[in-house]
Amino acid sequence: MSTSIATGRAANIAGSLWMIASMGAFAVEDAFVKAAAKAMPVGQILIMFGLGGALVFAGLALANREPLFIRDVVSRPMLIRVVFEVTGRLFYVLAVALIPLSTATVILQATPLVVVAAAVLVFKEKVGWRRWLAVFIGLAGVVVIVQPGGEGFSALSLLAVVGMIGFAGRDLASRVAPATVGTVLLGFYGFLSVIVAGVFYSFWQGVPFVLPDPQTSLFLAGAVLAGVSAYSCLMKAMRTGDVSAVTPFRYTRLLFGIALGVLLFGEHLSFEMLAGSGLIVLSGLFIVWRGKQAGKS
């Protein structure tokens, strides 16, 4: 075994571990947000969570002597990214607060499928029939979970669907974001978008803010810490090892989310949930595999 191959495998293993840590931290963040939503309005949670994360990334930028504002921040791709970030954050947090954590987490895993489909329309990327079939099968998994028209249908589950579409749009916009906007600035403005989402929803909801008790304050602090850690681990994962080797481990968030939902919130898994989860994960993994094969050809 050559040194380069051994180094590549070691990097892929390290990147995979960073990705698993990131997905676990994201799931913990969701659990803290759901716990805090029992005692605090969602709009207030978004504002305080966004403020905490923005302050952390602002501190990192200042420590690295990076300016918090550059001209490219207001470029068209960045403005589009903000719109989708606000949409994704608002509706996904509403979903986490109002429906089972496991359901929201599973629906979110369809984001890469929407990104692949949208990339064909937006960036004119070429996708073969096999990947198109995988996209439709994965989206069918979402339908199985949501159960539109069925007895188990809850309109609130559509909140997670809208949030997932918002995150897919954010990811697409990130592809064409100026290279001068680094990961720390993306994190800073991402959390500022959360504040914007909280302000919008607070005005719409019209519910007065409350003074958080010590327990809720700890939940919010935990959400901020977990969110910043998750984002940092994600950036580390994407810069360590091959993207095709690291990306499949994004789906470990599903396992973490389901486990926390069952253990902490007493959620129950239905056959539809398990079947839909399987369709989404298998479709996503197939798309990653096909993308890797296409890259070799």
C-alpha atoms as a PDB file:
ATOM      1  CA  MET A   1       0.000   0.000   0.000  1.00  0.00           C
ATOM      2  CA  SER A   2       1.443   3.317  -1.056  1.00  0.00           C
ATOM      3  CA  THR A   3       1.836   6.191   1.361  1.00  0.00           C
ATOM      4  CA  SER A   4      -0.588   8.379  -0.624  1.00  0.00           C
ATOM      5  CA  ILE A   5      -3.353   5.741  -0.476  1.00  0.00           C
ATOM      6  CA  ALA A   6      -2.834   5.239   3.263  1.00  0.00           C
ATOM      7  CA  THR A   7      -2.921   8.989   3.815  1.00  0.00           C
ATOM      8  CA  GLY A   8      -6.112   9.270   1.751  1.00  0.00           C
ATOM      9  CA  ARG A   9      -7.840   6.543   3.747  1.00  0.00           C
ATOM     10  CA  ALA A  10      -6.783   8.119   7.023  1.00  0.00           C
ATOM     11  CA  ALA A  11      -8.150  11.478   5.852  1.00  0.00           C
ATOM     12  CA  ASN A  12     -11.442   9.862   4.813  1.00  0.00           C
ATOM     13  CA  ILE A  13     -11.796   8.165   8.185  1.00  0.00           C
ATOM     14  CA  ALA A  14     -11.052  11.423  10.003  1.00  0.00           C
ATOM     15  CA  GLY A  15     -13.494  13.327   7.777  1.00  0.00           C
ATOM     16  CA  SER A  16     -16.182  10.722   8.397  1.00  0.00           C
ATOM     17  CA  LEU A  17     -15.729  11.014  12.161  1.00  0.00           C
ATOM     18  CA  TRP A  18     -15.995  14.805  11.930  1.00  0.00           C
ATOM     19  CA  MET A  19     -19.201  14.403   9.927  1.00  0.00           C
ATOM     20  CA  ILE A  20     -20.688  11.997  12.467  1.00  0.00           C
ATOM     21  CA  ALA A  21     -19.785  14.417  15.274  1.00  0.00           C
ATOM     22  CA  SER A  22     -21.405  17.256  13.313  1.00  0.00           C
ATOM     23  CA  MET A  23     -24.650  15.345  12.750  1.00  0.00           C
ATOM     24  CA  GLY A  24     -24.786  14.330  16.404  1.00  0.00           C
ATOM     25  CA  ALA A  25     -24.316  17.946  17.463  1.00  0.00           C
ATOM     26  CA  PHE A  26     -27.044  19.122  15.074  1.00  0.00           C
ATOM     27  CA  ALA A  27     -29.432  16.562  16.565  1.00  0.00           C
ATOM     28  CA  VAL A  28     -28.557  17.747  20.080  1.00  0.00           C
ATOM     29  CA  GLU A  29     -29.203  21.329  18.963  1.00  0.00           C
ATOM     30  CA  ASP A  30     -32.667  20.305  17.732  1.00  0.00           C
ATOM     31  CA  ALA A  31     -33.406  18.578  21.039  1.00  0.00           C
ATOM     32  CA  PHE A  32     -32.420  21.669  23.049  1.00  0.00           C
ATOM     33  CA  VAL A  33     -34.584  23.886  20.808  1.00  0.00           C
ATOM     34  CA  LYS A  34     -37.556  21.554  21.214  1.00  0.00           C
ATOM     35  CA  ALA A  35     -37.105  21.547  24.993  1.00  0.00           C
ATOM     36  CA  ALA A  36     -36.836  25.344  25.130  1.00  0.00           C
ATOM     37  CA  ALA A  37     -39.981  25.731  22.980  1.00  0.00           C
ATOM     38  CA  LYS A  38     -42.062  24.296  25.811  1.00  0.00           C
ATOM     39  CA  ALA A  39     -41.492  27.435  27.868  1.00  0.00           C
ATOM     40  CA  MET A  40     -40.627  30.149  25.355  1.00  0.00           C
ATOM     41  CA  PRO A  41     -42.139  31.548  22.120  1.00  0.00           C
ATOM     42  CA  VAL A  42     -40.497  30.240  18.956  1.00  0.00           C
ATOM     43  CA  GLY A  43     -39.710  33.754  17.724  1.00  0.00           C
ATOM     44  CA  GLN A  44     -37.830  34.549  20.921  1.00  0.00           C
ATOM     45  CA  ILE A  45     -35.917  31.274  20.680  1.00  0.00           C
ATOM     46  CA  LEU A  46     -34.828  32.092  17.140  1.00  0.00           C
ATOM     47  CA  ILE A  47     -33.690  35.589  18.120  1.00  0.00           C
ATOM     48  CA  MET A  48     -31.721  34.466  21.169  1.00  0.00           C
ATOM     49  CA  PHE A  49     -30.273  31.421  19.404  1.00  0.00           C
ATOM     50  CA  GLY A  50     -29.259  33.498  16.388  1.00  0.00           C
ATOM     51  CA  LEU A  51     -27.738  36.203  18.584  1.00  0.00           C
ATOM     52  CA  GLY A  52     -25.679  33.677  20.521  1.00  0.00           C
ATOM     53  CA  GLY A  53     -24.341  31.997  17.374  1.00  0.00           C
ATOM     54  CA  ALA A  54     -23.634  35.322  15.641  1.00  0.00           C
ATOM     55  CA  LEU A  55     -21.635  36.527  18.639  1.00  0.00           C
ATOM     56  CA  VAL A  56     -19.555  33.344  18.631  1.00  0.00           C
ATOM     57  CA  PHE A  57     -18.716  33.616  14.933  1.00  0.00           C
ATOM     58  CA  ALA A  58     -18.102  37.355  15.252  1.00  0.00           C
ATOM     59  CA  GLY A  59     -15.570  36.545  17.968  1.00  0.00           C
ATOM     60  CA  LEU A  60     -13.918  33.959  15.723  1.00  0.00           C
ATOM     61  CA  ALA A  61     -13.727  36.456  12.868  1.00  0.00           C
ATOM     62  CA  LEU A  62     -12.173  39.111  15.081  1.00  0.00           C
ATOM     63  CA  ALA A  63      -9.721  36.574  16.515  1.00  0.00           C
ATOM     64  CA  ASN A  64      -8.679  35.682  12.957  1.00  0.00           C
ATOM     65  CA  ARG A  65      -8.561  39.386  12.063  1.00  0.00           C
ATOM     66  CA  GLU A  66     -11.241  38.898   9.423  1.00  0.00           C
ATOM     67  CA  PRO A  67     -13.599  41.818   8.678  1.00  0.00           C
ATOM     68  CA  LEU A  68     -17.249  41.180   9.493  1.00  0.00           C
ATOM     69  CA  PHE A  69     -18.365  42.976   6.356  1.00  0.00           C
ATOM     70  CA  ILE A  70     -17.025  42.855   2.839  1.00  0.00           C
ATOM     71  CA  ARG A  71     -18.685  43.963  -0.384  1.00  0.00           C
ATOM     72  CA  ASP A  72     -19.377  40.396  -1.542  1.00  0.00           C
ATOM     73  CA  VAL A  73     -21.643  39.857   1.478  1.00  0.00           C
ATOM     74  CA  VAL A  74     -24.368  41.809  -0.337  1.00  0.00           C
ATOM     75  CA  SER A  75     -23.847  40.059  -3.679  1.00  0.00           C
ATOM     76  CA  ARG A  76     -26.878  38.492  -5.334  1.00  0.00           C
ATOM     77  CA  PRO A  77     -26.027  34.872  -4.398  1.00  0.00           C
ATOM     78  CA  MET A  78     -25.559  35.886  -0.748  1.00  0.00           C
ATOM     79  CA  LEU A  79     -28.870  37.766  -0.665  1.00  0.00           C
ATOM     80  CA  ILE A  80     -30.636  34.760  -2.174  1.00  0.00           C
ATOM     81  CA  ARG A  81     -28.891  32.559   0.374  1.00  0.00           C
ATOM     82  CA  VAL A  82     -30.193  34.725   3.217  1.00  0.00           C
ATOM     83  CA  VAL A  83     -33.776  34.457   1.962  1.00  0.00           C
ATOM     84  CA  PHE A  84     -33.584  30.670   1.844  1.00  0.00           C
ATOM     85  CA  GLU A  85     -31.734  30.537   5.183  1.00  0.00           C
ATOM     86  CA  VAL A  86     -34.497  32.563   6.851  1.00  0.00           C
ATOM     87  CA  THR A  87     -37.152  30.309   5.328  1.00  0.00           C
ATOM     88  CA  GLY A  88     -35.373  27.092   6.229  1.00  0.00           C
ATOM     89  CA  ARG A  89     -34.522  28.102   9.775  1.00  0.00           C
ATOM     90  CA  LEU A  90     -37.980  29.476  10.582  1.00  0.00           C
ATOM     91  CA  PHE A  91     -40.025  26.576   9.287  1.00  0.00           C
ATOM     92  CA  TYR A  92     -37.663  23.872  10.519  1.00  0.00           C
ATOM     93  CA  VAL A  93     -37.566  25.288  14.046  1.00  0.00           C
ATOM     94  CA  LEU A  94     -41.366  25.499  13.972  1.00  0.00           C
ATOM     95  CA  ALA A  95     -41.419  21.852  12.899  1.00  0.00           C
ATOM     96  CA  VAL A  96     -39.034  20.830  15.678  1.00  0.00           C
ATOM     97  CA  ALA A  97     -41.200  22.653  18.208  1.00  0.00           C
ATOM     98  CA  LEU A  98     -44.581  21.384  17.002  1.00  0.00           C
ATOM     99  CA  ILE A  99     -44.108  17.861  15.592  1.00  0.00           C
ATOM    100  CA  PRO A 100     -42.071  14.849  16.759  1.00  0.00           C
ATOM    101  CA  LEU A 101     -38.328  15.472  16.562  1.00  0.00           C
ATOM    102  CA  SER A 102     -37.850  12.164  14.757  1.00  0.00           C
ATOM    103  CA  THR A 103     -40.317  13.168  12.008  1.00  0.00           C
ATOM    104  CA  ALA A 104     -38.711  16.583  11.451  1.00  0.00           C
ATOM    105  CA  THR A 105     -35.236  15.041  11.335  1.00  0.00           C
ATOM    106  CA  VAL A 106     -36.197  12.370   8.815  1.00  0.00           C
ATOM    107  CA  ILE A 107     -37.899  14.831   6.449  1.00  0.00           C
ATOM    108  CA  LEU A 108     -34.825  17.067   6.598  1.00  0.00           C
ATOM    109  CA  GLN A 109     -32.728  14.215   5.182  1.00  0.00           C
ATOM    110  CA  ALA A 110     -34.454  14.707   1.819  1.00  0.00           C
ATOM    111  CA  THR A 111     -32.554  17.984   1.360  1.00  0.00           C
ATOM    112  CA  PRO A 112     -29.783  16.466  -0.849  1.00  0.00           C
ATOM    113  CA  LEU A 113     -32.447  14.963  -3.120  1.00  0.00           C
ATOM    114  CA  VAL A 114     -34.041  18.365  -3.689  1.00  0.00           C
ATOM    115  CA  VAL A 115     -30.595  19.892  -4.245  1.00  0.00           C
ATOM    116  CA  VAL A 116     -29.842  17.351  -6.995  1.00  0.00           C
ATOM    117  CA  ALA A 117     -33.182  17.977  -8.721  1.00  0.00           C
ATOM    118  CA  ALA A 118     -32.898  21.751  -8.443  1.00  0.00           C
ATOM    119  CA  ALA A 119     -29.288  21.761  -9.670  1.00  0.00           C
ATOM    120  CA  VAL A 120     -30.526  20.395 -12.998  1.00  0.00           C
ATOM    121  CA  LEU A 121     -32.946  23.299 -13.361  1.00  0.00           C
ATOM    122  CA  VAL A 122     -30.718  26.046 -11.959  1.00  0.00           C
ATOM    123  CA  PHE A 123     -27.199  25.028 -12.993  1.00  0.00           C
ATOM    124  CA  LYS A 124     -28.122  22.797 -15.957  1.00  0.00           C
ATOM    125  CA  GLU A 125     -26.240  19.891 -14.410  1.00  0.00           C
ATOM    126  CA  LYS A 126     -26.618  16.536 -16.147  1.00  0.00           C
ATOM    127  CA  VAL A 127     -28.292  13.812 -14.116  1.00  0.00           C
ATOM    128  CA  GLY A 128     -28.949  10.349 -15.560  1.00  0.00           C
ATOM    129  CA  TRP A 129     -32.208   8.466 -15.296  1.00  0.00           C
ATOM    130  CA  ARG A 130     -30.932   6.353 -12.411  1.00  0.00           C
ATOM    131  CA  ARG A 131     -30.341   9.377 -10.203  1.00  0.00           C
ATOM    132  CA  TRP A 132     -33.663  10.887 -11.286  1.00  0.00           C
ATOM    133  CA  LEU A 133     -35.341   7.646 -10.251  1.00  0.00           C
ATOM    134  CA  ALA A 134     -33.544   7.786  -6.897  1.00  0.00           C
ATOM    135  CA  VAL A 135     -34.718  11.382  -6.388  1.00  0.00           C
ATOM    136  CA  PHE A 136     -38.350  10.417  -7.012  1.00  0.00           C
ATOM    137  CA  ILE A 137     -38.086   7.370  -4.757  1.00  0.00           C
ATOM    138  CA  GLY A 138     -36.600   9.501  -1.969  1.00  0.00           C
ATOM    139  CA  LEU A 139     -39.322  12.120  -2.335  1.00  0.00           C
ATOM    140  CA  ALA A 140     -41.864   9.302  -2.278  1.00  0.00           C
ATOM    141  CA  GLY A 141     -40.369   8.442   1.115  1.00  0.00           C
ATOM    142  CA  VAL A 142     -41.273  11.947   2.295  1.00  0.00           C
ATOM    143  CA  VAL A 143     -44.839  11.403   1.070  1.00  0.00           C
ATOM    144  CA  VAL A 144     -44.995   8.106   2.956  1.00  0.00           C
ATOM    145  CA  ILE A 145     -43.994   9.882   6.166  1.00  0.00           C
ATOM    146  CA  VAL A 146     -46.271  12.910   5.709  1.00  0.00           C
ATOM    147  CA  GLN A 147     -49.241  10.737   4.576  1.00  0.00           C
ATOM    148  CA  PRO A 148     -51.213  13.447   2.757  1.00  0.00           C
ATOM    149  CA  GLY A 149     -54.899  12.532   2.723  1.00  0.00           C
ATOM    150  CA  GLY A 150     -54.384   9.698   5.192  1.00  0.00           C
ATOM    151  CA  GLU A 151     -55.717   9.328   8.719  1.00  0.00           C
ATOM    152  CA  GLY A 152     -52.305  10.041  10.178  1.00  0.00           C
ATOM    153  CA  PHE A 153     -51.805  13.245   8.194  1.00  0.00           C
ATOM    154  CA  SER A 154     -50.852  16.363  10.136  1.00  0.00           C
ATOM    155  CA  ALA A 155     -50.616  19.680   8.324  1.00  0.00           C
ATOM    156  CA  LEU A 156     -47.867  20.644  10.783  1.00  0.00           C
ATOM    157  CA  SER A 157     -45.547  18.120   9.118  1.00  0.00           C
ATOM    158  CA  LEU A 158     -45.555  20.401   6.076  1.00  0.00           C
ATOM    159  CA  LEU A 159     -43.547  22.860   8.178  1.00  0.00           C
ATOM    160  CA  ALA A 160     -40.621  20.436   8.003  1.00  0.00           C
ATOM    161  CA  VAL A 161     -41.097  20.063   4.240  1.00  0.00           C
ATOM    162  CA  VAL A 162     -40.952  23.848   3.713  1.00  0.00           C
ATOM    163  CA  GLY A 163     -37.932  24.058   6.021  1.00  0.00           C
ATOM    164  CA  MET A 164     -36.205  21.320   4.054  1.00  0.00           C
ATOM    165  CA  ILE A 165     -36.849  23.177   0.773  1.00  0.00           C
ATOM    166  CA  GLY A 166     -35.446  26.345   2.352  1.00  0.00           C
ATOM    167  CA  PHE A 167     -32.237  24.567   3.342  1.00  0.00           C
ATOM    168  CA  ALA A 168     -31.940  23.067  -0.142  1.00  0.00           C
ATOM    169  CA  GLY A 169     -32.157  26.561  -1.633  1.00  0.00           C
ATOM    170  CA  ARG A 170     -29.534  27.780   0.819  1.00  0.00           C
ATOM    171  CA  ASP A 171     -27.175  24.974  -0.203  1.00  0.00           C
ATOM    172  CA  LEU A 172     -27.655  25.779  -3.885  1.00  0.00           C
ATOM    173  CA  ALA A 173     -26.971  29.462  -3.287  1.00  0.00           C
ATOM    174  CA  SER A 174     -23.871  28.532  -1.283  1.00  0.00           C
ATOM    175  CA  ARG A 175     -22.435  26.841  -4.377  1.00  0.00           C
ATOM    176  CA  VAL A 176     -22.190  30.164  -6.187  1.00  0.00           C
ATOM    177  CA  ALA A 177     -21.429  32.334  -3.156  1.00  0.00           C
ATOM    178  CA  PRO A 178     -18.253  34.414  -3.664  1.00  0.00           C
ATOM    179  CA  ALA A 179     -15.101  32.590  -2.599  1.00  0.00           C
ATOM    180  CA  THR A 180     -14.099  35.685  -0.628  1.00  0.00           C
ATOM    181  CA  VAL A 181     -16.873  34.920   1.873  1.00  0.00           C
ATOM    182  CA  GLY A 182     -15.213  32.333   4.115  1.00  0.00           C
ATOM    183  CA  THR A 183     -16.830  29.748   6.359  1.00  0.00           C
ATOM    184  CA  VAL A 184     -16.661  31.976   9.448  1.00  0.00           C
ATOM    185  CA  LEU A 185     -18.488  34.783   7.655  1.00  0.00           C
ATOM    186  CA  LEU A 186     -21.028  32.308   6.286  1.00  0.00           C
ATOM    187  CA  GLY A 187     -21.639  31.140   9.833  1.00  0.00           C
ATOM    188  CA  PHE A 188     -21.926  34.700  11.122  1.00  0.00           C
ATOM    189  CA  TYR A 189     -24.455  35.765   8.502  1.00  0.00           C
ATOM    190  CA  GLY A 190     -26.237  32.442   8.772  1.00  0.00           C
ATOM    191  CA  PHE A 191     -26.957  33.106  12.441  1.00  0.00           C
ATOM    192  CA  LEU A 192     -27.920  36.715  11.656  1.00  0.00           C
ATOM    193  CA  SER A 193     -30.509  35.196   9.318  1.00  0.00           C
ATOM    194  CA  VAL A 194     -31.879  33.237  12.252  1.00  0.00           C
ATOM    195  CA  ILE A 195     -32.405  36.537  14.105  1.00  0.00           C
ATOM    196  CA  VAL A 196     -34.245  37.943  11.097  1.00  0.00           C
ATOM    197  CA  ALA A 197     -36.464  34.845  10.994  1.00  0.00           C
ATOM    198  CA  GLY A 198     -37.215  35.271  14.700  1.00  0.00           C
ATOM    199  CA  VAL A 199     -38.132  38.936  14.305  1.00  0.00           C
ATOM    200  CA  PHE A 200     -40.487  38.222  11.399  1.00  0.00           C
ATOM    201  CA  TYR A 201     -42.230  35.406  13.220  1.00  0.00           C
ATOM    202  CA  SER A 202     -42.479  37.346  16.483  1.00  0.00           C
ATOM    203  CA  PHE A 203     -44.315  40.190  14.740  1.00  0.00           C
ATOM    204  CA  TRP A 204     -46.614  37.718  12.990  1.00  0.00           C
ATOM    205  CA  GLN A 205     -47.323  35.652  16.102  1.00  0.00           C
ATOM    206  CA  GLY A 206     -47.793  38.654  18.387  1.00  0.00           C
ATOM    207  CA  VAL A 207     -46.860  36.733  21.536  1.00  0.00           C
ATOM    208  CA  PRO A 208     -44.973  38.704  24.220  1.00  0.00           C
ATOM    209  CA  PHE A 209     -41.476  37.602  25.152  1.00  0.00           C
ATOM    210  CA  VAL A 210     -40.891  35.886  28.463  1.00  0.00           C
ATOM    211  CA  LEU A 211     -37.995  35.967  30.906  1.00  0.00           C
ATOM    212  CA  PRO A 212     -36.399  32.515  30.575  1.00  0.00           C
ATOM    213  CA  ASP A 213     -36.018  30.500  33.741  1.00  0.00           C
ATOM    214  CA  PRO A 214     -32.605  28.961  34.543  1.00  0.00           C
ATOM    215  CA  GLN A 215     -33.476  25.640  32.909  1.00  0.00           C
ATOM    216  CA  THR A 216     -34.665  27.230  29.657  1.00  0.00           C
ATOM    217  CA  SER A 217     -31.577  29.456  29.647  1.00  0.00           C
ATOM    218  CA  LEU A 218     -29.428  26.334  29.840  1.00  0.00           C
ATOM    219  CA  PHE A 219     -31.385  24.805  26.953  1.00  0.00           C
ATOM    220  CA  LEU A 220     -30.730  27.894  24.829  1.00  0.00           C
ATOM    221  CA  ALA A 221     -27.050  27.973  25.757  1.00  0.00           C
ATOM    222  CA  GLY A 222     -26.810  24.283  24.924  1.00  0.00           C
ATOM    223  CA  ALA A 223     -28.488  24.859  21.563  1.00  0.00           C
ATOM    224  CA  VAL A 224     -26.031  27.636  20.690  1.00  0.00           C
ATOM    225  CA  LEU A 225     -23.013  25.589  21.780  1.00  0.00           C
ATOM    226  CA  ALA A 226     -24.246  22.510  19.909  1.00  0.00           C
ATOM    227  CA  GLY A 227     -25.086  24.563  16.803  1.00  0.00           C
ATOM    228  CA  VAL A 228     -21.703  26.263  16.616  1.00  0.00           C
ATOM    229  CA  SER A 229     -19.919  22.963  17.286  1.00  0.00           C
ATOM    230  CA  ALA A 230     -21.985  21.214  14.624  1.00  0.00           C
ATOM    231  CA  TYR A 231     -21.212  23.862  12.027  1.00  0.00           C
ATOM    232  CA  SER A 232     -17.501  23.816  12.857  1.00  0.00           C
ATOM    233  CA  CYS A 233     -17.336  20.018  12.670  1.00  0.00           C
ATOM    234  CA  LEU A 234     -19.211  20.085   9.360  1.00  0.00           C
ATOM    235  CA  MET A 235     -16.709  22.518   7.851  1.00  0.00           C
ATOM    236  CA  LYS A 236     -13.862  20.378   9.171  1.00  0.00           C
ATOM    237  CA  ALA A 237     -15.442  17.244   7.691  1.00  0.00           C
ATOM    238  CA  MET A 238     -15.882  18.782   4.244  1.00  0.00           C
ATOM    239  CA  ARG A 239     -12.240  19.858   4.219  1.00  0.00           C
ATOM    240  CA  THR A 240     -10.887  16.495   5.389  1.00  0.00           C
ATOM    241  CA  GLY A 241     -11.011  13.557   3.011  1.00  0.00           C
ATOM    242  CA  ASP A 242     -13.021  13.080  -0.168  1.00  0.00           C
ATOM    243  CA  VAL A 243     -16.487  14.620  -0.319  1.00  0.00           C
ATOM    244  CA  SER A 244     -17.896  11.371  -1.743  1.00  0.00           C
ATOM    245  CA  ALA A 245     -16.482   9.438   1.215  1.00  0.00           C
ATOM    246  CA  VAL A 246     -17.628  11.878   3.887  1.00  0.00           C
ATOM    247  CA  THR A 247     -21.073  12.931   2.610  1.00  0.00           C
ATOM    248  CA  PRO A 248     -22.908   9.608   3.222  1.00  0.00           C
ATOM    249  CA  PHE A 249     -22.336  10.031   6.950  1.00  0.00           C
ATOM    250  CA  ARG A 250     -24.728  13.005   6.882  1.00  0.00           C
ATOM    251  CA  TYR A 251     -27.479  10.431   7.284  1.00  0.00           C
ATOM    252  CA  THR A 252     -26.291   9.568  10.771  1.00  0.00           C
ATOM    253  CA  ARG A 253     -28.254  12.658  11.834  1.00  0.00           C
ATOM    254  CA  LEU A 254     -31.362  10.597  11.207  1.00  0.00           C
ATOM    255  CA  LEU A 255     -30.213   7.987  13.722  1.00  0.00           C
ATOM    256  CA  PHE A 256     -29.308  10.620  16.316  1.00  0.00           C
ATOM    257  CA  GLY A 257     -32.589  12.487  15.812  1.00  0.00           C
ATOM    258  CA  ILE A 258     -34.742   9.385  16.095  1.00  0.00           C
ATOM    259  CA  ALA A 259     -32.847   8.181  19.173  1.00  0.00           C
ATOM    260  CA  LEU A 260     -33.195  11.520  20.971  1.00  0.00           C
ATOM    261  CA  GLY A 261     -36.859  11.752  20.027  1.00  0.00           C
ATOM    262  CA  VAL A 262     -37.593   8.320  21.446  1.00  0.00           C
ATOM    263  CA  LEU A 263     -35.422   8.584  24.566  1.00  0.00           C
ATOM    264  CA  LEU A 264     -36.050  12.209  25.581  1.00  0.00           C
ATOM    265  CA  PHE A 265     -39.536  12.957  24.266  1.00  0.00           C
ATOM    266  CA  GLY A 266     -41.191   9.538  24.327  1.00  0.00           C
ATOM    267  CA  GLU A 267     -41.869   9.480  20.587  1.00  0.00           C
ATOM    268  CA  HIS A 268     -43.050   6.311  18.853  1.00  0.00           C
ATOM    269  CA  LEU A 269     -41.898   5.081  15.457  1.00  0.00           C
ATOM    270  CA  SER A 270     -44.586   4.007  13.003  1.00  0.00           C
ATOM    271  CA  PHE A 271     -44.186   1.668  10.054  1.00  0.00           C
ATOM    272  CA  GLU A 272     -44.650   4.651   7.728  1.00  0.00           C
ATOM    273  CA  MET A 273     -41.823   6.484   9.474  1.00  0.00           C
ATOM    274  CA  LEU A 274     -39.420   3.556   9.147  1.00  0.00           C
ATOM    275  CA  ALA A 275     -40.386   2.831   5.540  1.00  0.00           C
ATOM    276  CA  GLY A 276     -40.089   6.463   4.489  1.00  0.00           C
ATOM    277  CA  SER A 277     -36.748   6.788   6.284  1.00  0.00           C
ATOM    278  CA  GLY A 278     -35.418   3.774   4.420  1.00  0.00           C
ATOM    279  CA  LEU A 279     -36.466   5.163   1.043  1.00  0.00           C
ATOM    280  CA  ILE A 280     -34.879   8.565   1.738  1.00  0.00           C
ATOM    281  CA  VAL A 281     -31.583   7.187   3.034  1.00  0.00           C
ATOM    282  CA  LEU A 282     -31.161   4.534   0.333  1.00  0.00           C
ATOM    283  CA  SER A 283     -31.971   7.063  -2.391  1.00  0.00           C
ATOM    284  CA  GLY A 284     -29.516   9.576  -0.976  1.00  0.00           C
ATOM    285  CA  LEU A 285     -26.732   7.021  -0.676  1.00  0.00           C
ATOM    286  CA  PHE A 286     -27.358   5.825  -4.223  1.00  0.00           C
ATOM    287  CA  ILE A 287     -27.116   9.390  -5.549  1.00  0.00           C
ATOM    288  CA  VAL A 288     -23.807   9.882  -3.737  1.00  0.00           C
ATOM    289  CA  TRP A 289     -22.513   6.589  -5.155  1.00  0.00           C
ATOM    290  CA  ARG A 290     -23.627   7.420  -8.698  1.00  0.00           C
ATOM    291  CA  GLY A 291     -22.011  10.835  -8.417  1.00  0.00           C
ATOM    292  CA  LYS A 292     -18.758   9.179  -7.402  1.00  0.00           C
ATOM    293  CA  GLN A 293     -18.943   6.741 -10.333  1.00  0.00           C
ATOM    294  CA  ALA A 294     -19.655   9.582 -12.759  1.00  0.00           C
ATOM    295  CA  GLY A 295     -16.619  11.441 -11.431  1.00  0.00           C
ATOM    296  CA  LYS A 296     -14.421   8.451 -12.245  1.00  0.00           C
ATOM    297  CA  SER A 297     -15.652   8.130 -15.822  1.00  0.00           C
END
